[in-house]
Amino acid sequence: MLSCCVLVVFQGAALFAQAPVPKGERPQFGLASAREEDGAVRIEVFELRDIARVKMPVGGDVFIEQRHWLELTRGTLGKDIRAYKPDGTRAGRVQVLSALAKPRGVVYFLGYDKAKPIEPDPFFLGLLKEGSIALAFDRPELAMPQP
């Protein structure tokens, strides 16, 4: 009996190990909102940070542990930022405006090469609930935070 149970466990593990491995970058979590501006859909994406920079009047800056949202990028739908539905198809302007009318949590995919835009793997998109979207955009240039 014990050998039968062991055989079933190992067969299950072998099947799981043969499942396709998602390709590309893993998604990250952030906060996003969208609005219509001059006929285009403008999207803002924020990332969650654990360390905040505090400017001191005298001496150097101080860094403290404090969770906060920091702007990651701003862009135009279709030009700078792409949006995907759970089925892997591109989300249109109406869907993006509806999903991001108020700031809400999103998953986003950072691309590292503008010549080869990132394409989210269907495995990750399949984890989204219906009516939500995932964003994909090129990795923004690193810049010093503005005071």
N, C-alpha and C. Protein backbone atom coordinates (compact mmCIF):
# COMPACT_ATOMS: atom_id res chain seq x y z
N MET A 1 0.83 -1.19 0.00
CA MET A 1 0.00 0.00 0.00
C MET A 1 0.87 1.25 0.00
N LEU A 2 1.90 1.27 0.86
CA LEU A 2 2.79 2.42 0.94
C LEU A 2 3.51 2.66 -0.39
N SER A 3 3.94 1.58 -1.04
CA SER A 3 4.65 1.73 -2.31
C SER A 3 3.72 2.29 -3.37
N CYS A 4 2.44 1.96 -3.31
CA CYS A 4 1.46 2.50 -4.26
C CYS A 4 1.31 4.01 -4.07
N CYS A 5 1.24 4.48 -2.80
CA CYS A 5 1.12 5.91 -2.51
C CYS A 5 2.36 6.67 -2.97
N VAL A 6 3.52 6.07 -2.74
CA VAL A 6 4.77 6.71 -3.14
C VAL A 6 4.82 6.84 -4.66
N LEU A 7 4.38 5.80 -5.37
CA LEU A 7 4.37 5.82 -6.82
C LEU A 7 3.45 6.93 -7.34
N VAL A 8 2.26 7.10 -6.74
CA VAL A 8 1.32 8.14 -7.16
C VAL A 8 1.92 9.53 -6.91
N VAL A 9 2.57 9.74 -5.78
CA VAL A 9 3.19 11.03 -5.47
C VAL A 9 4.28 11.35 -6.48
N PHE A 10 5.14 10.39 -6.79
CA PHE A 10 6.21 10.65 -7.74
C PHE A 10 5.68 10.89 -9.14
N GLN A 11 4.61 10.20 -9.55
CA GLN A 11 4.03 10.43 -10.86
C GLN A 11 3.44 11.83 -10.93
N GLY A 12 2.79 12.27 -9.87
CA GLY A 12 2.23 13.63 -9.83
C GLY A 12 3.32 14.68 -9.91
N ALA A 13 4.41 14.45 -9.21
CA ALA A 13 5.53 15.40 -9.25
C ALA A 13 6.16 15.43 -10.63
N ALA A 14 6.24 14.29 -11.29
CA ALA A 14 6.83 14.24 -12.62
C ALA A 14 5.96 14.99 -13.62
N LEU A 15 4.64 14.87 -13.51
CA LEU A 15 3.75 15.61 -14.41
C LEU A 15 3.86 17.11 -14.18
N PHE A 16 3.95 17.52 -12.94
CA PHE A 16 4.06 18.94 -12.62
C PHE A 16 5.37 19.50 -13.14
N ALA A 17 6.45 18.74 -13.04
CA ALA A 17 7.76 19.19 -13.49
C ALA A 17 7.80 19.35 -15.00
N GLN A 18 6.88 18.69 -15.73
CA GLN A 18 6.86 18.78 -17.18
C GLN A 18 5.96 19.91 -17.68
N ALA A 19 5.30 20.64 -16.78
CA ALA A 19 4.44 21.75 -17.20
C ALA A 19 5.31 22.83 -17.84
N PRO A 20 4.76 23.53 -18.84
CA PRO A 20 5.56 24.59 -19.49
C PRO A 20 5.96 25.68 -18.49
N VAL A 21 7.17 26.14 -18.62
CA VAL A 21 7.69 27.21 -17.76
C VAL A 21 7.41 28.55 -18.45
N PRO A 22 6.82 29.51 -17.74
CA PRO A 22 6.55 30.81 -18.38
C PRO A 22 7.83 31.46 -18.89
N LYS A 23 7.71 32.15 -20.03
CA LYS A 23 8.86 32.81 -20.64
C LYS A 23 8.84 34.30 -20.30
N GLY A 24 9.97 34.93 -20.43
CA GLY A 24 10.04 36.37 -20.24
C GLY A 24 10.06 36.79 -18.79
N GLU A 25 9.83 38.08 -18.60
CA GLU A 25 9.88 38.68 -17.28
C GLU A 25 8.65 38.34 -16.45
N ARG A 26 8.86 38.23 -15.15
CA ARG A 26 7.73 38.06 -14.22
C ARG A 26 7.04 39.40 -14.06
N PRO A 27 5.74 39.37 -13.80
CA PRO A 27 5.07 40.64 -13.57
C PRO A 27 5.43 41.22 -12.21
N GLN A 28 5.25 42.52 -12.11
CA GLN A 28 5.41 43.21 -10.84
C GLN A 28 4.08 43.84 -10.49
N PHE A 29 3.91 44.23 -9.25
CA PHE A 29 2.65 44.80 -8.80
C PHE A 29 2.82 46.30 -8.60
N GLY A 30 1.79 47.04 -8.96
CA GLY A 30 1.84 48.48 -8.79
C GLY A 30 0.45 49.06 -8.69
N LEU A 31 0.37 50.36 -8.82
CA LEU A 31 -0.87 51.11 -8.77
C LEU A 31 -0.94 51.92 -10.05
N ALA A 32 -2.10 51.94 -10.70
CA ALA A 32 -2.21 52.67 -11.97
C ALA A 32 -3.57 53.34 -12.08
N SER A 33 -3.59 54.39 -12.88
CA SER A 33 -4.84 55.06 -13.21
C SER A 33 -4.75 55.55 -14.64
N ALA A 34 -5.91 55.80 -15.25
CA ALA A 34 -5.95 56.27 -16.63
C ALA A 34 -7.00 57.37 -16.76
N ARG A 35 -6.73 58.27 -17.70
CA ARG A 35 -7.70 59.33 -17.99
C ARG A 35 -7.55 59.70 -19.47
N GLU A 36 -8.62 60.25 -20.01
CA GLU A 36 -8.58 60.70 -21.40
C GLU A 36 -8.10 62.14 -21.42
N GLU A 37 -7.14 62.41 -22.30
CA GLU A 37 -6.56 63.75 -22.41
C GLU A 37 -6.23 64.02 -23.87
N ASP A 38 -6.86 65.03 -24.44
CA ASP A 38 -6.65 65.41 -25.85
C ASP A 38 -6.86 64.23 -26.80
N GLY A 39 -7.87 63.41 -26.53
CA GLY A 39 -8.19 62.28 -27.40
C GLY A 39 -7.35 61.04 -27.19
N ALA A 40 -6.37 61.11 -26.29
CA ALA A 40 -5.51 59.96 -26.02
C ALA A 40 -5.75 59.48 -24.59
N VAL A 41 -5.45 58.22 -24.34
CA VAL A 41 -5.56 57.66 -23.00
C VAL A 41 -4.19 57.76 -22.34
N ARG A 42 -4.11 58.56 -21.29
CA ARG A 42 -2.88 58.74 -20.52
C ARG A 42 -2.92 57.85 -19.29
N ILE A 43 -1.84 57.12 -19.04
CA ILE A 43 -1.77 56.17 -17.93
C ILE A 43 -0.60 56.56 -17.02
N GLU A 44 -0.84 56.51 -15.73
CA GLU A 44 0.21 56.71 -14.73
C GLU A 44 0.39 55.41 -13.97
N VAL A 45 1.64 55.00 -13.75
CA VAL A 45 1.94 53.78 -13.01
C VAL A 45 2.86 54.13 -11.85
N PHE A 46 2.53 53.61 -10.67
CA PHE A 46 3.32 53.83 -9.47
C PHE A 46 3.81 52.49 -8.94
N GLU A 47 5.02 52.51 -8.36
CA GLU A 47 5.55 51.30 -7.74
C GLU A 47 5.60 51.50 -6.23
N LEU A 48 5.47 50.41 -5.50
CA LEU A 48 5.51 50.46 -4.05
C LEU A 48 6.96 50.42 -3.59
N ARG A 49 7.33 51.39 -2.79
CA ARG A 49 8.68 51.48 -2.26
C ARG A 49 8.65 51.33 -0.76
N ASP A 50 9.72 50.81 -0.18
CA ASP A 50 9.81 50.62 1.27
C ASP A 50 10.70 51.66 1.95
N ILE A 51 11.49 52.37 1.18
CA ILE A 51 12.41 53.36 1.75
C ILE A 51 12.05 54.74 1.19
N ALA A 52 11.94 55.72 2.07
CA ALA A 52 11.63 57.09 1.65
C ALA A 52 12.85 57.99 1.90
N ARG A 53 13.03 58.93 1.01
CA ARG A 53 14.13 59.90 1.14
C ARG A 53 13.57 61.17 1.77
N VAL A 54 14.21 61.64 2.81
CA VAL A 54 13.80 62.87 3.49
C VAL A 54 14.93 63.88 3.35
N LYS A 55 14.59 65.03 2.76
CA LYS A 55 15.59 66.09 2.61
C LYS A 55 15.76 66.81 3.94
N MET A 56 17.00 66.98 4.36
CA MET A 56 17.31 67.66 5.60
C MET A 56 17.81 69.07 5.27
N PRO A 57 17.43 70.07 6.10
CA PRO A 57 17.89 71.44 5.82
C PRO A 57 19.42 71.58 5.94
N VAL A 58 20.01 70.79 6.82
CA VAL A 58 21.46 70.84 7.00
C VAL A 58 21.99 69.42 6.91
N GLY A 59 23.08 69.25 6.21
CA GLY A 59 23.66 67.92 6.09
C GLY A 59 23.06 67.15 4.92
N GLY A 60 23.31 65.88 4.90
CA GLY A 60 22.83 65.03 3.81
C GLY A 60 21.40 64.58 4.01
N ASP A 61 20.87 63.95 3.01
CA ASP A 61 19.52 63.41 3.08
C ASP A 61 19.50 62.19 3.99
N VAL A 62 18.30 61.90 4.52
CA VAL A 62 18.11 60.76 5.40
C VAL A 62 17.13 59.80 4.72
N PHE A 63 17.40 58.53 4.83
CA PHE A 63 16.51 57.51 4.26
C PHE A 63 15.87 56.76 5.41
N ILE A 64 14.55 56.65 5.37
CA ILE A 64 13.82 55.97 6.45
C ILE A 64 12.95 54.88 5.87
N GLU A 65 12.63 53.89 6.70
CA GLU A 65 11.71 52.84 6.26
C GLU A 65 10.29 53.39 6.33
N GLN A 66 9.67 53.49 5.19
CA GLN A 66 8.30 53.98 5.11
C GLN A 66 7.73 53.56 3.76
N ARG A 67 6.68 52.77 3.79
CA ARG A 67 6.06 52.35 2.54
C ARG A 67 5.33 53.52 1.91
N HIS A 68 5.54 53.67 0.60
CA HIS A 68 4.87 54.75 -0.12
C HIS A 68 4.86 54.41 -1.61
N TRP A 69 4.00 55.12 -2.34
CA TRP A 69 3.93 54.95 -3.79
C TRP A 69 4.82 55.99 -4.45
N LEU A 70 5.62 55.55 -5.41
CA LEU A 70 6.51 56.43 -6.15
C LEU A 70 6.19 56.27 -7.64
N GLU A 71 6.07 57.40 -8.34
CA GLU A 71 5.75 57.32 -9.76
C GLU A 71 6.83 56.55 -10.49
N LEU A 72 6.41 55.59 -11.30
CA LEU A 72 7.33 54.78 -12.08
C LEU A 72 7.38 55.29 -13.52
N THR A 73 6.20 55.52 -14.11
CA THR A 73 6.16 56.01 -15.48
C THR A 73 4.80 56.63 -15.78
N ARG A 74 4.78 57.46 -16.79
CA ARG A 74 3.56 58.02 -17.39
C ARG A 74 3.67 57.78 -18.88
N GLY A 75 2.56 57.50 -19.50
CA GLY A 75 2.62 57.29 -20.94
C GLY A 75 1.27 57.24 -21.58
N THR A 76 1.28 57.10 -22.89
CA THR A 76 0.07 57.06 -23.69
C THR A 76 -0.20 55.63 -24.12
N LEU A 77 -1.45 55.20 -23.97
CA LEU A 77 -1.85 53.86 -24.38
C LEU A 77 -1.56 53.67 -25.87
N GLY A 78 -0.91 52.58 -26.20
CA GLY A 78 -0.60 52.26 -27.59
C GLY A 78 0.71 52.83 -28.08
N LYS A 79 1.18 53.88 -27.45
CA LYS A 79 2.46 54.48 -27.85
C LYS A 79 3.56 54.08 -26.87
N ASP A 80 3.35 54.39 -25.59
CA ASP A 80 4.35 54.10 -24.56
C ASP A 80 4.00 52.88 -23.72
N ILE A 81 2.71 52.65 -23.55
CA ILE A 81 2.23 51.59 -22.66
C ILE A 81 1.21 50.75 -23.41
N ARG A 82 1.33 49.43 -23.27
CA ARG A 82 0.37 48.50 -23.85
C ARG A 82 -0.44 47.87 -22.73
N ALA A 83 -1.69 47.57 -23.00
CA ALA A 83 -2.56 46.94 -22.00
C ALA A 83 -3.07 45.63 -22.56
N TYR A 84 -3.12 44.60 -21.70
CA TYR A 84 -3.55 43.26 -22.10
C TYR A 84 -4.69 42.77 -21.23
N LYS A 85 -5.58 42.03 -21.85
CA LYS A 85 -6.69 41.37 -21.13
C LYS A 85 -6.21 39.99 -20.69
N PRO A 86 -6.97 39.34 -19.80
CA PRO A 86 -6.55 38.01 -19.33
C PRO A 86 -6.39 36.98 -20.45
N ASP A 87 -7.11 37.14 -21.57
CA ASP A 87 -6.98 36.17 -22.67
C ASP A 87 -5.78 36.44 -23.57
N GLY A 88 -4.99 37.49 -23.25
CA GLY A 88 -3.78 37.78 -24.01
C GLY A 88 -3.96 38.78 -25.14
N THR A 89 -5.19 39.17 -25.43
CA THR A 89 -5.41 40.17 -26.47
C THR A 89 -5.21 41.56 -25.90
N ARG A 90 -4.98 42.50 -26.79
CA ARG A 90 -4.78 43.88 -26.35
C ARG A 90 -6.10 44.48 -25.87
N ALA A 91 -6.02 45.23 -24.80
CA ALA A 91 -7.18 45.94 -24.28
C ALA A 91 -7.29 47.27 -24.99
N GLY A 92 -8.51 47.66 -25.32
CA GLY A 92 -8.74 48.92 -26.01
C GLY A 92 -8.92 50.07 -25.04
N ARG A 93 -9.10 51.25 -25.59
CA ARG A 93 -9.20 52.46 -24.78
C ARG A 93 -10.37 52.43 -23.81
N VAL A 94 -11.52 51.92 -24.25
CA VAL A 94 -12.70 51.86 -23.38
C VAL A 94 -12.45 50.93 -22.20
N GLN A 95 -11.84 49.78 -22.47
CA GLN A 95 -11.53 48.83 -21.40
C GLN A 95 -10.53 49.39 -20.41
N VAL A 96 -9.52 50.09 -20.91
CA VAL A 96 -8.49 50.65 -20.03
C VAL A 96 -9.09 51.77 -19.18
N LEU A 97 -9.86 52.65 -19.82
CA LEU A 97 -10.47 53.74 -19.06
C LEU A 97 -11.44 53.21 -18.00
N SER A 98 -12.15 52.15 -18.34
CA SER A 98 -13.09 51.55 -17.38
C SER A 98 -12.34 50.88 -16.22
N ALA A 99 -11.31 50.11 -16.55
CA ALA A 99 -10.57 49.37 -15.52
C ALA A 99 -9.76 50.28 -14.61
N LEU A 100 -9.25 51.40 -15.16
CA LEU A 100 -8.36 52.26 -14.40
C LEU A 100 -8.95 53.66 -14.16
N ALA A 101 -10.27 53.75 -14.14
CA ALA A 101 -10.91 55.04 -13.89
C ALA A 101 -10.50 55.60 -12.54
N LYS A 102 -10.35 54.73 -11.56
CA LYS A 102 -9.85 55.10 -10.24
C LYS A 102 -8.53 54.37 -10.06
N PRO A 103 -7.60 54.93 -9.30
CA PRO A 103 -6.35 54.21 -9.06
C PRO A 103 -6.63 52.82 -8.47
N ARG A 104 -5.99 51.81 -9.06
CA ARG A 104 -6.18 50.44 -8.56
C ARG A 104 -4.93 49.62 -8.79
N GLY A 105 -4.84 48.53 -8.07
CA GLY A 105 -3.70 47.64 -8.21
C GLY A 105 -3.69 46.97 -9.58
N VAL A 106 -2.50 46.88 -10.16
CA VAL A 106 -2.32 46.23 -11.45
C VAL A 106 -1.03 45.40 -11.42
N VAL A 107 -0.93 44.51 -12.37
CA VAL A 107 0.36 43.87 -12.63
C VAL A 107 0.93 44.56 -13.86
N TYR A 108 2.25 44.73 -13.84
CA TYR A 108 2.88 45.33 -15.01
C TYR A 108 4.15 44.55 -15.35
N PHE A 109 4.51 44.62 -16.62
CA PHE A 109 5.68 43.94 -17.14
C PHE A 109 6.65 45.01 -17.64
N LEU A 110 7.88 44.99 -17.13
CA LEU A 110 8.90 45.94 -17.56
C LEU A 110 9.73 45.34 -18.67
N GLY A 111 9.80 46.05 -19.78
CA GLY A 111 10.68 45.66 -20.87
C GLY A 111 12.03 46.33 -20.70
N TYR A 112 13.06 45.73 -21.23
CA TYR A 112 14.40 46.29 -21.08
C TYR A 112 15.02 46.70 -22.40
N ASP A 113 14.33 46.46 -23.50
CA ASP A 113 14.88 46.76 -24.82
C ASP A 113 13.76 47.35 -25.67
N LYS A 114 13.87 48.64 -26.00
CA LYS A 114 12.82 49.29 -26.79
C LYS A 114 12.67 48.68 -28.18
N ALA A 115 13.74 48.09 -28.68
CA ALA A 115 13.69 47.46 -30.00
C ALA A 115 12.89 46.16 -29.98
N LYS A 116 12.81 45.52 -28.80
CA LYS A 116 12.04 44.27 -28.65
C LYS A 116 11.06 44.45 -27.49
N PRO A 117 9.88 45.02 -27.76
CA PRO A 117 8.91 45.25 -26.68
C PRO A 117 8.54 43.95 -25.97
N ILE A 118 8.37 44.05 -24.68
CA ILE A 118 8.05 42.88 -23.86
C ILE A 118 6.65 42.38 -24.19
N GLU A 119 6.50 41.08 -24.25
CA GLU A 119 5.20 40.43 -24.46
C GLU A 119 4.92 39.56 -23.24
N PRO A 120 3.87 39.87 -22.49
CA PRO A 120 3.56 39.06 -21.30
C PRO A 120 3.25 37.61 -21.67
N ASP A 121 3.72 36.69 -20.86
CA ASP A 121 3.45 35.27 -21.09
C ASP A 121 1.99 34.97 -20.74
N PRO A 122 1.31 34.15 -21.55
CA PRO A 122 -0.10 33.81 -21.29
C PRO A 122 -0.33 33.20 -19.90
N PHE A 123 0.67 32.53 -19.35
CA PHE A 123 0.51 31.95 -18.01
C PHE A 123 0.19 33.03 -17.00
N PHE A 124 0.95 34.13 -17.02
CA PHE A 124 0.73 35.21 -16.06
C PHE A 124 -0.58 35.93 -16.33
N LEU A 125 -0.89 36.17 -17.60
CA LEU A 125 -2.15 36.85 -17.93
C LEU A 125 -3.35 36.02 -17.51
N GLY A 126 -3.22 34.70 -17.57
CA GLY A 126 -4.31 33.81 -17.18
C GLY A 126 -4.65 33.88 -15.69
N LEU A 127 -3.77 34.45 -14.90
CA LEU A 127 -4.02 34.59 -13.46
C LEU A 127 -4.91 35.79 -13.14
N LEU A 128 -5.08 36.68 -14.12
CA LEU A 128 -5.90 37.88 -13.90
C LEU A 128 -7.37 37.53 -13.86
N LYS A 129 -8.13 38.29 -13.07
CA LYS A 129 -9.58 38.08 -13.07
C LYS A 129 -10.19 38.84 -14.24
N GLU A 130 -11.32 38.37 -14.70
CA GLU A 130 -12.00 38.98 -15.84
C GLU A 130 -12.31 40.44 -15.53
N GLY A 131 -12.09 41.32 -16.50
CA GLY A 131 -12.34 42.74 -16.32
C GLY A 131 -11.11 43.52 -15.89
N SER A 132 -10.03 42.81 -15.52
CA SER A 132 -8.81 43.51 -15.14
C SER A 132 -7.86 43.52 -16.34
N ILE A 133 -6.82 44.32 -16.23
CA ILE A 133 -5.84 44.40 -17.31
C ILE A 133 -4.44 44.35 -16.72
N ALA A 134 -3.49 44.01 -17.57
CA ALA A 134 -2.07 44.06 -17.23
C ALA A 134 -1.43 45.08 -18.15
N LEU A 135 -0.42 45.77 -17.66
CA LEU A 135 0.27 46.78 -18.45
C LEU A 135 1.67 46.30 -18.81
N ALA A 136 2.17 46.75 -19.94
CA ALA A 136 3.54 46.43 -20.37
C ALA A 136 4.15 47.70 -20.95
N PHE A 137 5.39 47.97 -20.57
CA PHE A 137 6.07 49.16 -21.07
C PHE A 137 7.57 48.98 -20.94
N ASP A 138 8.31 49.83 -21.67
CA ASP A 138 9.77 49.78 -21.59
C ASP A 138 10.22 50.30 -20.24
N ARG A 139 11.32 49.77 -19.76
CA ARG A 139 11.84 50.19 -18.46
C ARG A 139 12.24 51.66 -18.53
N PRO A 140 11.72 52.46 -17.64
CA PRO A 140 12.06 53.88 -17.70
C PRO A 140 13.51 54.12 -17.31
N GLU A 141 14.04 55.23 -17.78
CA GLU A 141 15.40 55.60 -17.41
C GLU A 141 15.44 55.86 -15.90
N LEU A 142 16.51 55.47 -15.29
CA LEU A 142 16.65 55.76 -13.86
C LEU A 142 16.93 57.24 -13.69
N ALA A 143 16.17 57.88 -12.84
CA ALA A 143 16.34 59.31 -12.60
C ALA A 143 16.27 59.57 -11.11
N MET A 144 16.93 60.62 -10.68
CA MET A 144 16.89 61.00 -9.28
C MET A 144 15.47 61.46 -8.94
N PRO A 145 14.93 61.09 -7.79
CA PRO A 145 13.59 61.53 -7.41
C PRO A 145 13.54 63.06 -7.31
N GLN A 146 12.44 63.62 -7.78
CA GLN A 146 12.24 65.06 -7.69
C GLN A 146 11.69 65.42 -6.32
N PRO A 147 12.17 66.51 -5.71
CA PRO A 147 11.67 66.88 -4.39
C PRO A 147 10.23 67.33 -4.43
